[in-house]
């Protein structure tokens, strides 16, 4: 059994003569992150790591966000994109509007290192870092290839 037979045996849905041509793995080093992504103001900065431009990705975007001590982002949403967040350091808070009997009200998710947070499409939110001394660092993955950021007047304007 040659390499292509082993590949196709492991992946029975891939048939044909030989192994399909695939691009190689891309390695984006920490110092190569791209800070020219869409931003939402305040003390928050997004940096692309896996994107079409940096890695040749077609359906996902991944990067890092840093929220400076004692600051918050502007209110925003990410369009049709689903967002998954992993907290690396700090204690960021994610604030969003939730419907209640008396009308919409702010809800707050307090996160810490090792926690995961999911933000559904079109959910207006903001990231805050209430810590006066240390920045919060999170890793973000999105279901759209590039980071969509739609800045809003408020969480309730969405």
Protein backbone atom coordinates (compact mmCIF):
# COMPACT_ATOMS: atom_id res chain seq x y z
CA UNK A 1 0.00 0.00 0.00
CA UNK A 2 1.55 3.32 -1.04
CA UNK A 3 0.92 6.69 0.67
CA UNK A 4 -2.06 7.60 -1.52
CA UNK A 5 -3.75 4.26 -0.76
CA UNK A 6 -3.23 4.80 2.98
CA UNK A 7 -4.66 8.32 2.71
CA UNK A 8 -7.73 7.19 0.76
CA UNK A 9 -8.24 4.18 3.07
CA UNK A 10 -8.23 6.53 6.07
CA UNK A 11 -10.56 8.95 4.22
CA UNK A 12 -12.92 6.72 2.21
CA UNK A 13 -14.82 9.73 0.87
CA UNK A 14 -11.70 10.80 -1.04
CA UNK A 15 -11.46 8.67 -4.14
CA UNK A 16 -9.63 8.92 -7.40
CA UNK A 17 -6.12 8.23 -8.47
CA UNK A 18 -3.65 9.30 -5.86
CA UNK A 19 -3.68 11.72 -2.99
CA UNK A 20 -5.32 15.08 -3.70
CA UNK A 21 -3.02 18.05 -3.84
CA UNK A 22 -3.34 20.10 -0.65
CA UNK A 23 -1.52 23.19 0.56
CA UNK A 24 0.92 22.70 3.41
CA UNK A 25 0.43 23.68 7.01
CA UNK A 26 0.99 27.38 7.69
CA UNK A 27 2.80 28.57 10.82
CA UNK A 28 2.08 32.12 11.98
CA UNK A 29 4.49 33.12 14.74
CA UNK A 30 3.43 35.31 17.67
CA UNK A 31 5.37 38.28 16.31
CA UNK A 32 3.65 38.01 12.91
CA UNK A 33 0.08 38.83 14.03
CA UNK A 34 -1.64 41.51 11.96
CA UNK A 35 -3.06 44.49 13.88
CA UNK A 36 -4.72 46.08 10.84
CA UNK A 37 -8.01 44.25 11.47
CA UNK A 38 -11.42 45.82 12.08
CA UNK A 39 -11.56 47.42 15.53
CA UNK A 40 -14.28 48.58 17.90
CA UNK A 41 -12.55 51.34 19.81
CA UNK A 42 -11.93 51.77 23.49
CA UNK A 43 -8.98 49.97 25.00
CA UNK A 44 -9.38 46.81 22.90
CA UNK A 45 -7.14 45.71 20.02
CA UNK A 46 -7.70 42.73 17.69
CA UNK A 47 -4.84 40.93 15.96
CA UNK A 48 -5.33 38.44 13.12
CA UNK A 49 -3.40 35.18 13.24
CA UNK A 50 -5.25 32.82 10.91
CA UNK A 51 -6.80 34.70 7.99
CA UNK A 52 -6.86 34.59 4.23
CA UNK A 53 -3.97 37.00 4.02
CA UNK A 54 -1.72 35.47 6.69
CA UNK A 55 -2.46 31.77 6.34
CA UNK A 56 -4.59 31.30 3.24
CA UNK A 57 -7.69 30.25 5.22
CA UNK A 58 -11.00 30.35 3.38
CA UNK A 59 -13.72 29.77 5.99
CA UNK A 60 -12.34 30.65 9.42
CA UNK A 61 -10.65 33.55 11.13
CA UNK A 62 -8.67 33.29 14.35
CA UNK A 63 -6.80 35.86 16.32
CA UNK A 64 -6.00 37.47 19.60
CA UNK A 65 -7.68 40.33 21.42
CA UNK A 66 -6.09 42.43 24.15
CA UNK A 67 -8.19 44.63 26.42
CA UNK A 68 -6.14 47.22 28.31
CA UNK A 69 -6.59 47.55 32.10
CA UNK A 70 -9.69 49.46 33.16
CA UNK A 71 -11.13 49.83 29.64
CA UNK A 72 -13.82 48.42 27.39
CA UNK A 73 -14.59 48.07 23.72
CA UNK A 74 -17.38 49.95 22.01
CA UNK A 75 -20.73 48.18 21.69
CA UNK A 76 -20.69 46.05 18.54
CA UNK A 77 -21.68 42.78 16.88
CA UNK A 78 -20.03 40.49 14.32
CA UNK A 79 -22.78 40.07 11.72
CA UNK A 80 -23.53 36.49 10.73
CA UNK A 81 -20.33 35.23 12.29
CA UNK A 82 -20.33 32.92 15.28
CA UNK A 83 -17.54 33.76 17.73
CA UNK A 84 -15.77 31.41 20.12
CA UNK A 85 -13.52 32.95 22.77
CA UNK A 86 -10.87 31.34 24.98
CA UNK A 87 -9.59 33.42 27.91
CA UNK A 88 -5.79 33.23 28.13
CA UNK A 89 -5.23 35.73 30.95
CA UNK A 90 -7.05 38.36 32.95
CA UNK A 91 -10.71 38.52 33.91
CA UNK A 92 -12.63 40.01 30.98
CA UNK A 93 -16.35 40.63 31.20
CA UNK A 94 -18.71 40.27 28.27
CA UNK A 95 -21.76 42.52 28.41
CA UNK A 96 -24.86 42.07 26.24
CA UNK A 97 -28.57 42.95 26.20
CA UNK A 98 -31.10 40.28 27.20
CA UNK A 99 -34.87 40.52 26.89
CA UNK A 100 -36.79 40.47 30.17
CA UNK A 101 -40.35 41.25 31.25
CA UNK A 102 -39.51 44.91 31.84
CA UNK A 103 -37.71 45.22 28.50
CA UNK A 104 -34.08 44.61 27.57
CA UNK A 105 -31.46 44.81 30.31
CA UNK A 106 -27.71 44.41 30.48
CA UNK A 107 -26.35 40.97 31.32
CA UNK A 108 -22.73 40.32 32.26
CA UNK A 109 -20.57 37.21 31.83
CA UNK A 110 -17.48 37.29 34.05
CA UNK A 111 -14.72 35.06 32.70
CA UNK A 112 -11.25 34.00 33.77
CA UNK A 113 -8.24 32.07 32.44
CA UNK A 114 -9.23 28.77 30.85
CA UNK A 115 -12.88 29.78 30.32
CA UNK A 116 -14.67 29.67 26.97
CA UNK A 117 -17.38 32.09 25.80
CA UNK A 118 -19.69 31.75 22.78
CA UNK A 119 -21.20 34.81 21.06
CA UNK A 120 -23.99 33.97 18.56
CA UNK A 121 -24.42 35.90 15.29
CA UNK A 122 -25.71 39.47 15.53
CA UNK A 123 -25.61 39.59 19.36
CA UNK A 124 -24.70 43.14 20.40
CA UNK A 125 -22.03 43.07 23.10
CA UNK A 126 -18.88 44.68 24.44
CA UNK A 127 -15.77 43.40 26.18
CA UNK A 128 -14.66 45.03 29.42
CA UNK A 129 -11.58 44.66 31.55
CA UNK A 130 -12.37 45.98 35.04
CA UNK A 131 -8.89 45.13 36.35
CA UNK A 132 -7.00 48.42 36.91
CA UNK A 133 -3.55 46.82 36.53
CA UNK A 134 -3.50 43.86 34.11
CA UNK A 135 -4.68 43.53 30.51
CA UNK A 136 -7.02 40.70 29.50
CA UNK A 137 -5.92 38.47 26.62
CA UNK A 138 -8.29 36.19 24.72
CA UNK A 139 -8.04 33.99 21.61
CA UNK A 140 -10.94 34.34 19.19
CA UNK A 141 -12.17 32.03 16.43
CA UNK A 142 -14.90 33.09 14.01
CA UNK A 143 -16.98 31.15 11.52
CA UNK A 144 -16.43 33.78 8.85
CA UNK A 145 -13.08 34.08 7.17
CA UNK A 146 -12.48 37.70 8.09
CA UNK A 147 -13.44 39.55 11.29
CA UNK A 148 -16.70 41.42 10.79
CA UNK A 149 -17.17 44.28 13.27
CA UNK A 150 -20.32 46.41 13.24
CA UNK A 151 -19.99 49.23 15.77
CA UNK A 152 -23.23 50.34 17.46
CA UNK A 153 -24.47 53.38 19.40
CA UNK A 154 -25.50 51.09 22.28
CA UNK A 155 -26.27 47.46 23.14
CA UNK A 156 -29.96 48.27 22.70
CA UNK A 157 -29.58 49.74 19.19
CA UNK A 158 -28.72 46.35 17.64
